[in-house]
PDB file of N, CA and C in Angstrom:
ATOM      1  N   GLN A   1      10.794  26.636 -12.139  1.00  0.00           N
ATOM      2  CA  GLN A   1      10.639  25.298 -11.600  1.00  0.00           C
ATOM      3  C   GLN A   1       9.153  24.961 -11.496  1.00  0.00           C
ATOM      4  N   VAL A   2       8.796  23.792 -12.021  1.00  0.00           N
ATOM      5  CA  VAL A   2       7.414  23.340 -11.973  1.00  0.00           C
ATOM      6  C   VAL A   2       7.222  22.459 -10.753  1.00  0.00           C
ATOM      7  N   GLN A   3       6.236  22.780  -9.945  1.00  0.00           N
ATOM      8  CA  GLN A   3       5.912  21.958  -8.786  1.00  0.00           C
ATOM      9  C   GLN A   3       4.821  20.963  -9.164  1.00  0.00           C
ATOM     10  N   LEU A   4       5.025  19.712  -8.778  1.00  0.00           N
ATOM     11  CA  LEU A   4       4.051  18.658  -9.038  1.00  0.00           C
ATOM     12  C   LEU A   4       3.600  18.077  -7.716  1.00  0.00           C
ATOM     13  N   VAL A   5       2.304  17.997  -7.517  1.00  0.00           N
ATOM     14  CA  VAL A   5       1.745  17.450  -6.285  1.00  0.00           C
ATOM     15  C   VAL A   5       0.975  16.187  -6.625  1.00  0.00           C
ATOM     16  N   GLU A   6       1.469  15.054  -6.106  1.00  0.00           N
ATOM     17  CA  GLU A   6       0.863  13.754  -6.376  1.00  0.00           C
ATOM     18  C   GLU A   6       0.001  13.316  -5.195  1.00  0.00           C
ATOM     19  N   SER A   7      -0.996  12.517  -5.503  1.00  0.00           N
ATOM     20  CA  SER A   7      -1.822  11.936  -4.455  1.00  0.00           C
ATOM     21  C   SER A   7      -2.480  10.669  -4.981  1.00  0.00           C
ATOM     22  N   GLY A   8      -2.981   9.853  -4.052  1.00  0.00           N
ATOM     23  CA  GLY A   8      -3.782   8.698  -4.439  1.00  0.00           C
ATOM     24  C   GLY A   8      -3.160   7.341  -4.231  1.00  0.00           C
ATOM     25  N   GLY A   9      -1.904   7.266  -3.816  1.00  0.00           N
ATOM     26  CA  GLY A   9      -1.297   5.966  -3.587  1.00  0.00           C
ATOM     27  C   GLY A   9      -1.845   5.305  -2.331  1.00  0.00           C
ATOM     28  N   GLY A  10      -1.414   4.072  -2.101  1.00  0.00           N
ATOM     29  CA  GLY A  10      -1.850   3.371  -0.902  1.00  0.00           C
ATOM     30  C   GLY A  10      -1.722   1.875  -1.032  1.00  0.00           C
ATOM     31  N   LEU A  11      -2.364   1.186  -0.102  1.00  0.00           N
ATOM     32  CA  LEU A  11      -2.357  -0.279  -0.056  1.00  0.00           C
ATOM     33  C   LEU A  11      -3.693  -0.782  -0.582  1.00  0.00           C
ATOM     34  N   VAL A  12      -3.629  -1.747  -1.490  1.00  0.00           N
ATOM     35  CA  VAL A  12      -4.850  -2.303  -2.068  1.00  0.00           C
ATOM     36  C   VAL A  12      -4.649  -3.802  -2.276  1.00  0.00           C
ATOM     37  N   GLN A  13      -5.732  -4.548  -2.205  1.00  0.00           N
ATOM     38  CA  GLN A  13      -5.659  -5.988  -2.435  1.00  0.00           C
ATOM     39  C   GLN A  13      -5.589  -6.294  -3.931  1.00  0.00           C
ATOM     40  N   PRO A  14      -5.025  -7.432  -4.292  1.00  0.00           N
ATOM     41  CA  PRO A  14      -5.011  -7.823  -5.707  1.00  0.00           C
ATOM     42  C   PRO A  14      -6.430  -7.800  -6.286  1.00  0.00           C
ATOM     43  N   GLY A  15      -6.517  -7.256  -7.500  1.00  0.00           N
ATOM     44  CA  GLY A  15      -7.816  -7.098  -8.140  1.00  0.00           C
ATOM     45  C   GLY A  15      -8.491  -5.779  -7.850  1.00  0.00           C
ATOM     46  N   GLY A  16      -7.940  -5.026  -6.922  1.00  0.00           N
ATOM     47  CA  GLY A  16      -8.529  -3.755  -6.549  1.00  0.00           C
ATOM     48  C   GLY A  16      -8.141  -2.621  -7.486  1.00  0.00           C
ATOM     49  N   SER A  17      -8.580  -1.410  -7.108  1.00  0.00           N
ATOM     50  CA  SER A  17      -8.350  -0.228  -7.947  1.00  0.00           C
ATOM     51  C   SER A  17      -7.820   0.934  -7.115  1.00  0.00           C
ATOM     52  N   LEU A  18      -7.079   1.789  -7.772  1.00  0.00           N
ATOM     53  CA  LEU A  18      -6.605   3.048  -7.201  1.00  0.00           C
ATOM     54  C   LEU A  18      -6.578   4.086  -8.311  1.00  0.00           C
ATOM     55  N   ARG A  19      -6.693   5.357  -7.916  1.00  0.00           N
ATOM     56  CA  ARG A  19      -6.538   6.440  -8.884  1.00  0.00           C
ATOM     57  C   ARG A  19      -5.496   7.411  -8.367  1.00  0.00           C
ATOM     58  N   LEU A  20      -4.478   7.632  -9.176  1.00  0.00           N
ATOM     59  CA  LEU A  20      -3.436   8.592  -8.849  1.00  0.00           C
ATOM     60  C   LEU A  20      -3.740   9.923  -9.531  1.00  0.00           C
ATOM     61  N   SER A  21      -3.359  11.006  -8.858  1.00  0.00           N
ATOM     62  CA  SER A  21      -3.520  12.348  -9.419  1.00  0.00           C
ATOM     63  C   SER A  21      -2.205  13.109  -9.309  1.00  0.00           C
ATOM     64  N   CYS A  22      -1.965  13.986 -10.257  1.00  0.00           N
ATOM     65  CA  CYS A  22      -0.762  14.816 -10.238  1.00  0.00           C
ATOM     66  C   CYS A  22      -1.127  16.187 -10.794  1.00  0.00           C
ATOM     67  N   ALA A  23      -1.003  17.216  -9.950  1.00  0.00           N
ATOM     68  CA  ALA A  23      -1.341  18.578 -10.360  1.00  0.00           C
ATOM     69  C   ALA A  23      -0.068  19.389 -10.560  1.00  0.00           C
ATOM     70  N   ALA A  24      -0.024  20.138 -11.652  1.00  0.00           N
ATOM     71  CA  ALA A  24       1.158  20.924 -11.993  1.00  0.00           C
ATOM     72  C   ALA A  24       0.915  22.412 -11.742  1.00  0.00           C
ATOM     73  N   SER A  25       1.935  23.086 -11.236  1.00  0.00           N
ATOM     74  CA  SER A  25       1.841  24.524 -10.932  1.00  0.00           C
ATOM     75  C   SER A  25       2.432  25.341 -12.075  1.00  0.00           C
ATOM     76  N   ILE A  26       1.836  25.217 -13.265  1.00  0.00           N
ATOM     77  CA  ILE A  26       2.289  25.951 -14.440  1.00  0.00           C
ATOM     78  C   ILE A  26       1.102  26.107 -15.367  1.00  0.00           C
ATOM     79  N   SER A  27       1.161  27.118 -16.210  1.00  0.00           N
ATOM     80  CA  SER A  27       0.075  27.326 -17.160  1.00  0.00           C
ATOM     81  C   SER A  27      -0.127  26.093 -18.038  1.00  0.00           C
ATOM     82  N   ALA A  28      -1.377  25.735 -18.264  1.00  0.00           N
ATOM     83  CA  ALA A  28      -1.694  24.564 -19.081  1.00  0.00           C
ATOM     84  C   ALA A  28      -1.130  24.698 -20.494  1.00  0.00           C
ATOM     85  N   PHE A  29      -0.998  25.918 -20.969  1.00  0.00           N
ATOM     86  CA  PHE A  29      -0.486  26.136 -22.324  1.00  0.00           C
ATOM     87  C   PHE A  29       0.997  25.795 -22.432  1.00  0.00           C
ATOM     88  N   SER A  30       1.649  25.644 -21.280  1.00  0.00           N
ATOM     89  CA  SER A  30       3.080  25.368 -21.273  1.00  0.00           C
ATOM     90  C   SER A  30       3.389  23.874 -21.153  1.00  0.00           C
ATOM     91  N   ILE A  31       2.341  23.054 -21.025  1.00  0.00           N
ATOM     92  CA  ILE A  31       2.534  21.621 -20.803  1.00  0.00           C
ATOM     93  C   ILE A  31       2.458  20.869 -22.121  1.00  0.00           C
ATOM     94  N   TYR A  32       3.487  20.105 -22.424  1.00  0.00           N
ATOM     95  CA  TYR A  32       3.502  19.291 -23.630  1.00  0.00           C
ATOM     96  C   TYR A  32       2.970  17.891 -23.355  1.00  0.00           C
ATOM     97  N   SER A  33       3.559  17.240 -22.390  1.00  0.00           N
ATOM     98  CA  SER A  33       3.223  15.848 -22.118  1.00  0.00           C
ATOM     99  C   SER A  33       3.196  15.603 -20.619  1.00  0.00           C
ATOM    100  N   MET A  34       2.301  14.723 -20.200  1.00  0.00           N
ATOM    101  CA  MET A  34       2.217  14.333 -18.789  1.00  0.00           C
ATOM    102  C   MET A  34       2.206  12.820 -18.739  1.00  0.00           C
ATOM    103  N   GLY A  35       2.849  12.271 -17.724  1.00  0.00           N
ATOM    104  CA  GLY A  35       2.891  10.818 -17.671  1.00  0.00           C
ATOM    105  C   GLY A  35       3.223  10.287 -16.296  1.00  0.00           C
ATOM    106  N   TRP A  36       3.172   8.971 -16.210  1.00  0.00           N
ATOM    107  CA  TRP A  36       3.475   8.262 -14.961  1.00  0.00           C
ATOM    108  C   TRP A  36       4.559   7.221 -15.215  1.00  0.00           C
ATOM    109  N   TYR A  37       5.510   7.174 -14.318  1.00  0.00           N
ATOM    110  CA  TYR A  37       6.554   6.164 -14.311  1.00  0.00           C
ATOM    111  C   TYR A  37       6.466   5.440 -12.969  1.00  0.00           C
ATOM    112  N   ARG A  38       7.110   4.290 -12.891  1.00  0.00           N
ATOM    113  CA  ARG A  38       7.156   3.588 -11.614  1.00  0.00           C
ATOM    114  C   ARG A  38       8.514   2.927 -11.444  1.00  0.00           C
ATOM    115  N   GLN A  39       8.860   2.726 -10.186  1.00  0.00           N
ATOM    116  CA  GLN A  39      10.118   2.075  -9.859  1.00  0.00           C
ATOM    117  C   GLN A  39       9.898   1.126  -8.700  1.00  0.00           C
ATOM    118  N   ALA A  40      10.112  -0.150  -8.973  1.00  0.00           N
ATOM    119  CA  ALA A  40      10.015  -1.180  -7.940  1.00  0.00           C
ATOM    120  C   ALA A  40      11.393  -1.381  -7.327  1.00  0.00           C
ATOM    121  N   PRO A  41      11.450  -1.915  -6.108  1.00  0.00           N
ATOM    122  CA  PRO A  41      12.747  -2.136  -5.447  1.00  0.00           C
ATOM    123  C   PRO A  41      13.671  -2.986  -6.312  1.00  0.00           C
ATOM    124  N   GLY A  42      14.886  -2.501  -6.503  1.00  0.00           N
ATOM    125  CA  GLY A  42      15.869  -3.244  -7.273  1.00  0.00           C
ATOM    126  C   GLY A  42      15.701  -3.185  -8.766  1.00  0.00           C
ATOM    127  N   LYS A  43      14.739  -2.401  -9.240  1.00  0.00           N
ATOM    128  CA  LYS A  43      14.489  -2.300 -10.673  1.00  0.00           C
ATOM    129  C   LYS A  43      14.637  -0.869 -11.157  1.00  0.00           C
ATOM    130  N   GLN A  44      14.800  -0.727 -12.483  1.00  0.00           N
ATOM    131  CA  GLN A  44      14.899   0.598 -13.062  1.00  0.00           C
ATOM    132  C   GLN A  44      13.527   1.253 -13.164  1.00  0.00           C
ATOM    133  N   ARG A  45      13.525   2.577 -13.181  1.00  0.00           N
ATOM    134  CA  ARG A  45      12.285   3.311 -13.378  1.00  0.00           C
ATOM    135  C   ARG A  45      11.789   3.051 -14.797  1.00  0.00           C
ATOM    136  N   GLU A  46      10.483   2.811 -14.930  1.00  0.00           N
ATOM    137  CA  GLU A  46       9.924   2.494 -16.240  1.00  0.00           C
ATOM    138  C   GLU A  46       8.670   3.307 -16.511  1.00  0.00           C
ATOM    139  N   LEU A  47       8.421   3.549 -17.790  1.00  0.00           N
ATOM    140  CA  LEU A  47       7.214   4.246 -18.198  1.00  0.00           C
ATOM    141  C   LEU A  47       5.996   3.358 -17.945  1.00  0.00           C
ATOM    142  N   VAL A  48       4.968   3.944 -17.362  1.00  0.00           N
ATOM    143  CA  VAL A  48       3.686   3.264 -17.196  1.00  0.00           C
ATOM    144  C   VAL A  48       2.712   3.751 -18.268  1.00  0.00           C
ATOM    145  N   ALA A  49       2.539   5.066 -18.343  1.00  0.00           N
ATOM    146  CA  ALA A  49       1.623   5.639 -19.325  1.00  0.00           C
ATOM    147  C   ALA A  49       1.934   7.119 -19.486  1.00  0.00           C
ATOM    148  N   ALA A  50       1.630   7.644 -20.677  1.00  0.00           N
ATOM    149  CA  ALA A  50       1.846   9.055 -20.938  1.00  0.00           C
ATOM    150  C   ALA A  50       0.742   9.569 -21.844  1.00  0.00           C
ATOM    151  N   ILE A  51       0.507  10.882 -21.765  1.00  0.00           N
ATOM    152  CA  ILE A  51      -0.523  11.515 -22.591  1.00  0.00           C
ATOM    153  C   ILE A  51      -0.021  12.871 -23.053  1.00  0.00           C
ATOM    154  N   THR A  52      -0.188  13.147 -24.338  1.00  0.00           N
ATOM    155  CA  THR A  52       0.282  14.414 -24.896  1.00  0.00           C
ATOM    156  C   THR A  52      -0.784  15.500 -24.724  1.00  0.00           C
ATOM    157  N   SER A  53      -0.414  16.710 -25.074  1.00  0.00           N
ATOM    158  CA  SER A  53      -1.361  17.821 -24.987  1.00  0.00           C
ATOM    159  C   SER A  53      -2.536  17.609 -25.936  1.00  0.00           C
ATOM    160  N   GLY A  54      -2.313  16.833 -26.997  1.00  0.00           N
ATOM    161  CA  GLY A  54      -3.383  16.545 -27.948  1.00  0.00           C
ATOM    162  C   GLY A  54      -4.238  15.358 -27.571  1.00  0.00           C
ATOM    163  N   GLY A  55      -3.864  14.673 -26.489  1.00  0.00           N
ATOM    164  CA  GLY A  55      -4.661  13.546 -26.011  1.00  0.00           C
ATOM    165  C   GLY A  55      -4.181  12.183 -26.460  1.00  0.00           C
ATOM    166  N   SER A  56      -3.087  12.116 -27.202  1.00  0.00           N
ATOM    167  CA  SER A  56      -2.548  10.817 -27.590  1.00  0.00           C
ATOM    168  C   SER A  56      -1.948  10.120 -26.378  1.00  0.00           C
ATOM    169  N   THR A  57      -2.172   8.820 -26.275  1.00  0.00           N
ATOM    170  CA  THR A  57      -1.712   8.072 -25.116  1.00  0.00           C
ATOM    171  C   THR A  57      -0.751   6.958 -25.502  1.00  0.00           C
ATOM    172  N   ASN A  58       0.047   6.566 -24.524  1.00  0.00           N
ATOM    173  CA  ASN A  58       1.014   5.496 -24.699  1.00  0.00           C
ATOM    174  C   ASN A  58       1.067   4.721 -23.394  1.00  0.00           C
ATOM    175  N   TYR A  59       1.020   3.386 -23.486  1.00  0.00           N
ATOM    176  CA  TYR A  59       1.013   2.544 -22.292  1.00  0.00           C
ATOM    177  C   TYR A  59       2.095   1.473 -22.367  1.00  0.00           C
ATOM    178  N   ALA A  60       2.610   1.104 -21.211  1.00  0.00           N
ATOM    179  CA  ALA A  60       3.457  -0.074 -21.126  1.00  0.00           C
ATOM    180  C   ALA A  60       2.587  -1.296 -21.407  1.00  0.00           C
ATOM    181  N   ASP A  61       3.173  -2.298 -22.057  1.00  0.00           N
ATOM    182  CA  ASP A  61       2.411  -3.499 -22.389  1.00  0.00           C
ATOM    183  C   ASP A  61       1.815  -4.148 -21.139  1.00  0.00           C
ATOM    184  N   SER A  62       2.537  -4.069 -20.041  1.00  0.00           N
ATOM    185  CA  SER A  62       2.120  -4.749 -18.816  1.00  0.00           C
ATOM    186  C   SER A  62       0.857  -4.155 -18.187  1.00  0.00           C
ATOM    187  N   VAL A  63       0.485  -2.942 -18.599  1.00  0.00           N
ATOM    188  CA  VAL A  63      -0.691  -2.293 -17.984  1.00  0.00           C
ATOM    189  C   VAL A  63      -1.821  -2.051 -18.973  1.00  0.00           C
ATOM    190  N   LYS A  64      -1.597  -2.360 -20.231  1.00  0.00           N
ATOM    191  CA  LYS A  64      -2.638  -2.134 -21.243  1.00  0.00           C
ATOM    192  C   LYS A  64      -3.896  -2.920 -20.884  1.00  0.00           C
ATOM    193  N   GLY A  65      -5.026  -2.239 -20.983  1.00  0.00           N
ATOM    194  CA  GLY A  65      -6.299  -2.862 -20.654  1.00  0.00           C
ATOM    195  C   GLY A  65      -6.667  -2.790 -19.190  1.00  0.00           C
ATOM    196  N   ARG A  66      -5.717  -2.399 -18.353  1.00  0.00           N
ATOM    197  CA  ARG A  66      -5.998  -2.298 -16.910  1.00  0.00           C
ATOM    198  C   ARG A  66      -5.887  -0.865 -16.405  1.00  0.00           C
ATOM    199  N   PHE A  67      -4.947  -0.097 -16.955  1.00  0.00           N
ATOM    200  CA  PHE A  67      -4.722   1.286 -16.515  1.00  0.00           C
ATOM    201  C   PHE A  67      -5.219   2.248 -17.592  1.00  0.00           C
ATOM    202  N   THR A  68      -5.697   3.403 -17.144  1.00  0.00           N
ATOM    203  CA  THR A  68      -6.132   4.444 -18.061  1.00  0.00           C
ATOM    204  C   THR A  68      -5.571   5.789 -17.602  1.00  0.00           C
ATOM    205  N   ILE A  69      -4.889   6.460 -18.518  1.00  0.00           N
ATOM    206  CA  ILE A  69      -4.359   7.795 -18.215  1.00  0.00           C
ATOM    207  C   ILE A  69      -5.281   8.836 -18.833  1.00  0.00           C
ATOM    208  N   SER A  70      -5.473   9.928 -18.107  1.00  0.00           N
ATOM    209  CA  SER A  70      -6.295  11.023 -18.618  1.00  0.00           C
ATOM    210  C   SER A  70      -5.768  12.327 -18.040  1.00  0.00           C
ATOM    211  N   ARG A  71      -6.207  13.436 -18.623  1.00  0.00           N
ATOM    212  CA  ARG A  71      -5.761  14.723 -18.114  1.00  0.00           C
ATOM    213  C   ARG A  71      -6.896  15.728 -18.169  1.00  0.00           C
ATOM    214  N   ASP A  72      -6.856  16.666 -17.237  1.00  0.00           N
ATOM    215  CA  ASP A  72      -7.795  17.779 -17.193  1.00  0.00           C
ATOM    216  C   ASP A  72      -6.962  19.031 -17.394  1.00  0.00           C
ATOM    217  N   ASN A  73      -7.005  19.595 -18.591  1.00  0.00           N
ATOM    218  CA  ASN A  73      -6.148  20.734 -18.892  1.00  0.00           C
ATOM    219  C   ASN A  73      -6.516  21.958 -18.046  1.00  0.00           C
ATOM    220  N   ALA A  74      -7.763  22.126 -17.754  1.00  0.00           N
ATOM    221  CA  ALA A  74      -8.177  23.282 -16.950  1.00  0.00           C
ATOM    222  C   ALA A  74      -7.597  23.208 -15.546  1.00  0.00           C
ATOM    223  N   LYS A  75      -7.500  21.987 -15.021  1.00  0.00           N
ATOM    224  CA  LYS A  75      -6.952  21.799 -13.673  1.00  0.00           C
ATOM    225  C   LYS A  75      -5.457  21.491 -13.707  1.00  0.00           C
ATOM    226  N   LYS A  76      -4.888  21.383 -14.912  1.00  0.00           N
ATOM    227  CA  LYS A  76      -3.454  21.079 -15.068  1.00  0.00           C
ATOM    228  C   LYS A  76      -3.098  19.812 -14.310  1.00  0.00           C
ATOM    229  N   THR A  77      -3.965  18.819 -14.436  1.00  0.00           N
ATOM    230  CA  THR A  77      -3.843  17.591 -13.656  1.00  0.00           C
ATOM    231  C   THR A  77      -3.893  16.379 -14.567  1.00  0.00           C
ATOM    232  N   VAL A  78      -3.040  15.403 -14.247  1.00  0.00           N
ATOM    233  CA  VAL A  78      -3.062  14.125 -14.941  1.00  0.00           C
ATOM    234  C   VAL A  78      -3.476  13.051 -13.947  1.00  0.00           C
ATOM    235  N   TYR A  79      -4.252  12.091 -14.436  1.00  0.00           N
ATOM    236  CA  TYR A  79      -4.763  11.016 -13.602  1.00  0.00           C
ATOM    237  C   TYR A  79      -4.308   9.669 -14.148  1.00  0.00           C
ATOM    238  N   LEU A  80      -4.195   8.706 -13.249  1.00  0.00           N
ATOM    239  CA  LEU A  80      -3.933   7.329 -13.660  1.00  0.00           C
ATOM    240  C   LEU A  80      -4.917   6.437 -12.920  1.00  0.00           C
ATOM    241  N   GLN A  81      -5.905   5.934 -13.640  1.00  0.00           N
ATOM    242  CA  GLN A  81      -6.850   4.995 -13.072  1.00  0.00           C
ATOM    243  C   GLN A  81      -6.280   3.601 -13.226  1.00  0.00           C
ATOM    244  N   MET A  82      -6.093   2.926 -12.112  1.00  0.00           N
ATOM    245  CA  MET A  82      -5.479   1.595 -12.113  1.00  0.00           C
ATOM    246  C   MET A  82      -6.506   0.576 -11.627  1.00  0.00           C
ATOM    247  N   ASN A  83      -6.876  -0.322 -12.502  1.00  0.00           N
ATOM    248  CA  ASN A  83      -7.822  -1.383 -12.173  1.00  0.00           C
ATOM    249  C   ASN A  83      -7.146  -2.744 -12.256  1.00  0.00           C
ATOM    250  N   SER A  84      -7.786  -3.745 -11.675  1.00  0.00           N
ATOM    251  CA  SER A  84      -7.266  -5.122 -11.705  1.00  0.00           C
ATOM    252  C   SER A  84      -5.802  -5.157 -11.294  1.00  0.00           C
ATOM    253  N   LEU A  85      -5.503  -4.496 -10.207  1.00  0.00           N
ATOM    254  CA  LEU A  85      -4.121  -4.391  -9.758  1.00  0.00           C
ATOM    255  C   LEU A  85      -3.555  -5.742  -9.364  1.00  0.00           C
ATOM    256  N   LYS A  86      -2.261  -5.897  -9.653  1.00  0.00           N
ATOM    257  CA  LYS A  86      -1.549  -7.138  -9.367  1.00  0.00           C
ATOM    258  C   LYS A  86      -0.382  -6.847  -8.414  1.00  0.00           C
ATOM    259  N   PRO A  87       0.086  -7.856  -7.695  1.00  0.00           N
ATOM    260  CA  PRO A  87       1.236  -7.627  -6.805  1.00  0.00           C
ATOM    261  C   PRO A  87       2.442  -7.042  -7.547  1.00  0.00           C
ATOM    262  N   GLU A  88       2.613  -7.400  -8.807  1.00  0.00           N
ATOM    263  CA  GLU A  88       3.760  -6.881  -9.558  1.00  0.00           C
ATOM    264  C   GLU A  88       3.606  -5.414  -9.946  1.00  0.00           C
ATOM    265  N   ASP A  89       2.463  -4.818  -9.659  1.00  0.00           N
ATOM    266  CA  ASP A  89       2.285  -3.379  -9.851  1.00  0.00           C
ATOM    267  C   ASP A  89       2.824  -2.578  -8.669  1.00  0.00           C
ATOM    268  N   THR A  90       3.232  -3.272  -7.621  1.00  0.00           N
ATOM    269  CA  THR A  90       3.774  -2.603  -6.441  1.00  0.00           C
ATOM    270  C   THR A  90       5.039  -1.836  -6.801  1.00  0.00           C
ATOM    271  N   ALA A  91       5.047  -0.551  -6.491  1.00  0.00           N
ATOM    272  CA  ALA A  91       6.174   0.314  -6.839  1.00  0.00           C
ATOM    273  C   ALA A  91       5.909   1.718  -6.313  1.00  0.00           C
ATOM    274  N   VAL A  92       6.919   2.549  -6.410  1.00  0.00           N
ATOM    275  CA  VAL A  92       6.721   3.983  -6.221  1.00  0.00           C
ATOM    276  C   VAL A  92       6.386   4.565  -7.591  1.00  0.00           C
ATOM    277  N   TYR A  93       5.283   5.280  -7.661  1.00  0.00           N
ATOM    278  CA  TYR A  93       4.819   5.866  -8.911  1.00  0.00           C
ATOM    279  C   TYR A  93       5.171   7.357  -8.936  1.00  0.00           C
ATOM    280  N   TYR A  94       5.778   7.770 -10.043  1.00  0.00           N
ATOM    281  CA  TYR A  94       6.229   9.147 -10.196  1.00  0.00           C
ATOM    282  C   TYR A  94       5.509   9.812 -11.365  1.00  0.00           C
ATOM    283  N   CYS A  95       5.066  11.008 -11.131  1.00  0.00           N
ATOM    284  CA  CYS A  95       4.503  11.824 -12.191  1.00  0.00           C
ATOM    285  C   CYS A  95       5.657  12.536 -12.907  1.00  0.00           C
ATOM    286  N   ARG A  96       5.587  12.607 -14.225  1.00  0.00           N
ATOM    287  CA  ARG A  96       6.575  13.357 -14.996  1.00  0.00           C
ATOM    288  C   ARG A  96       5.849  14.261 -15.980  1.00  0.00           C
ATOM    289  N   VAL A  97       6.292  15.506 -16.028  1.00  0.00           N
ATOM    290  CA  VAL A  97       5.665  16.485 -16.906  1.00  0.00           C
ATOM    291  C   VAL A  97       6.738  17.160 -17.760  1.00  0.00           C
ATOM    292  N   ILE A  98       6.478  17.269 -19.045  1.00  0.00           N
ATOM    293  CA  ILE A  98       7.365  17.979 -19.947  1.00  0.00           C
ATOM    294  C   ILE A  98       6.701  19.295 -20.311  1.00  0.00           C
ATOM    295  N   THR A  99       7.384  20.381 -20.000  1.00  0.00           N
ATOM    296  CA  THR A  99       6.831  21.706 -20.242  1.00  0.00           C
ATOM    297  C   THR A  99       7.835  22.563 -20.993  1.00  0.00           C
ATOM    298  N   THR A 100       7.479  23.800 -21.197  1.00  0.00           N
ATOM    299  CA  THR A 100       8.406  24.738 -21.840  1.00  0.00           C
ATOM    300  C   THR A 100       9.653  24.976 -20.990  1.00  0.00           C
ATOM    301  N   LEU A 101       9.571  24.612 -19.708  1.00  0.00           N
ATOM    302  CA  LEU A 101      10.712  24.787 -18.810  1.00  0.00           C
ATOM    303  C   LEU A 101      11.579  23.534 -18.715  1.00  0.00           C
ATOM    304  N   GLY A 102      11.145  22.451 -19.361  1.00  0.00           N
ATOM    305  CA  GLY A 102      11.908  21.214 -19.315  1.00  0.00           C
ATOM    306  C   GLY A 102      11.120  20.083 -18.683  1.00  0.00           C
ATOM    307  N   ILE A 103      11.842  19.119 -18.108  1.00  0.00           N
ATOM    308  CA  ILE A 103      11.228  17.937 -17.495  1.00  0.00           C
ATOM    309  C   ILE A 103      11.199  18.098 -15.982  1.00  0.00           C
ATOM    310  N   SER A 104      10.042  17.817 -15.404  1.00  0.00           N
ATOM    311  CA  SER A 104       9.889  17.878 -13.954  1.00  0.00           C
ATOM    312  C   SER A 104       9.307  16.567 -13.447  1.00  0.00           C
ATOM    313  N   TRP A 105       9.746  16.176 -12.247  1.00  0.00           N
ATOM    314  CA  TRP A 105       9.283  14.937 -11.620  1.00  0.00           C
ATOM    315  C   TRP A 105       8.575  15.243 -10.306  1.00  0.00           C
ATOM    316  N   GLY A 106       7.562  14.433 -10.015  1.00  0.00           N
ATOM    317  CA  GLY A 106       6.920  14.503  -8.714  1.00  0.00           C
ATOM    318  C   GLY A 106       7.750  13.778  -7.671  1.00  0.00           C
ATOM    319  N   GLN A 107       7.284  13.853  -6.424  1.00  0.00           N
ATOM    320  CA  GLN A 107       8.051  13.278  -5.322  1.00  0.00           C
ATOM    321  C   GLN A 107       7.852  11.775  -5.210  1.00  0.00           C
ATOM    322  N   GLY A 108       6.843  11.246  -5.893  1.00  0.00           N
ATOM    323  CA  GLY A 108       6.569   9.817  -5.851  1.00  0.00           C
ATOM    324  C   GLY A 108       5.505   9.469  -4.830  1.00  0.00           C
ATOM    325  N   THR A 109       4.701   8.476  -5.175  1.00  0.00           N
ATOM    326  CA  THR A 109       3.677   7.977  -4.259  1.00  0.00           C
ATOM    327  C   THR A 109       3.712   6.452  -4.283  1.00  0.00           C
ATOM    328  N   GLN A 110       3.673   5.847  -3.109  1.00  0.00           N
ATOM    329  CA  GLN A 110       3.798   4.399  -2.989  1.00  0.00           C
ATOM    330  C   GLN A 110       2.474   3.707  -3.305  1.00  0.00           C
ATOM    331  N   VAL A 111       2.549   2.702  -4.161  1.00  0.00           N
ATOM    332  CA  VAL A 111       1.414   1.829  -4.432  1.00  0.00           C
ATOM    333  C   VAL A 111       1.831   0.418  -4.047  1.00  0.00           C
ATOM    334  N   THR A 112       1.088  -0.192  -3.138  1.00  0.00           N
ATOM    335  CA  THR A 112       1.377  -1.544  -2.681  1.00  0.00           C
ATOM    336  C   THR A 112       0.157  -2.416  -2.919  1.00  0.00           C
ATOM    337  N   VAL A 113       0.369  -3.498  -3.662  1.00  0.00           N
ATOM    338  CA  VAL A 113      -0.714  -4.433  -3.955  1.00  0.00           C
ATOM    339  C   VAL A 113      -0.405  -5.735  -3.227  1.00  0.00           C
ATOM    340  N   SER A 114      -1.191  -6.017  -2.214  1.00  0.00           N
ATOM    341  CA  SER A 114      -0.908  -7.174  -1.379  1.00  0.00           C
ATOM    342  C   SER A 114      -2.166  -7.605  -0.632  1.00  0.00           C
ATOM    343  N   SER A 115      -2.267  -8.906  -0.405  1.00  0.00           N
ATOM    344  CA  SER A 115      -3.385  -9.417   0.378  1.00  0.00           C
ATOM    345  C   SER A 115      -2.998  -9.541   1.842  1.00  0.00           C
TER     346      SER A 115
END
């Protein structure tokens, strides 16, 4: 079982920034892909951004140009830098990691964008 520890959520005003972090308790060599999903009240969970072990990235259209995903393989950590936040970005953000052991999810961190 892979343990994922998320941090960085909170309350921010529209136009503000937050950085989410997710650290995995598994060898970096065992990690294929790391990513972030989000789920707003009454909506399905959706992909926000993902990054492969080779550094290829994929973003939801709604966050392109505002969010940046990155990873530190030595620290087994994935980051999501969120800029120009909008109220519609409000959701619980979940880290997801695909490893040799399968798919693991973090516990979720709340991001609220409101004035």
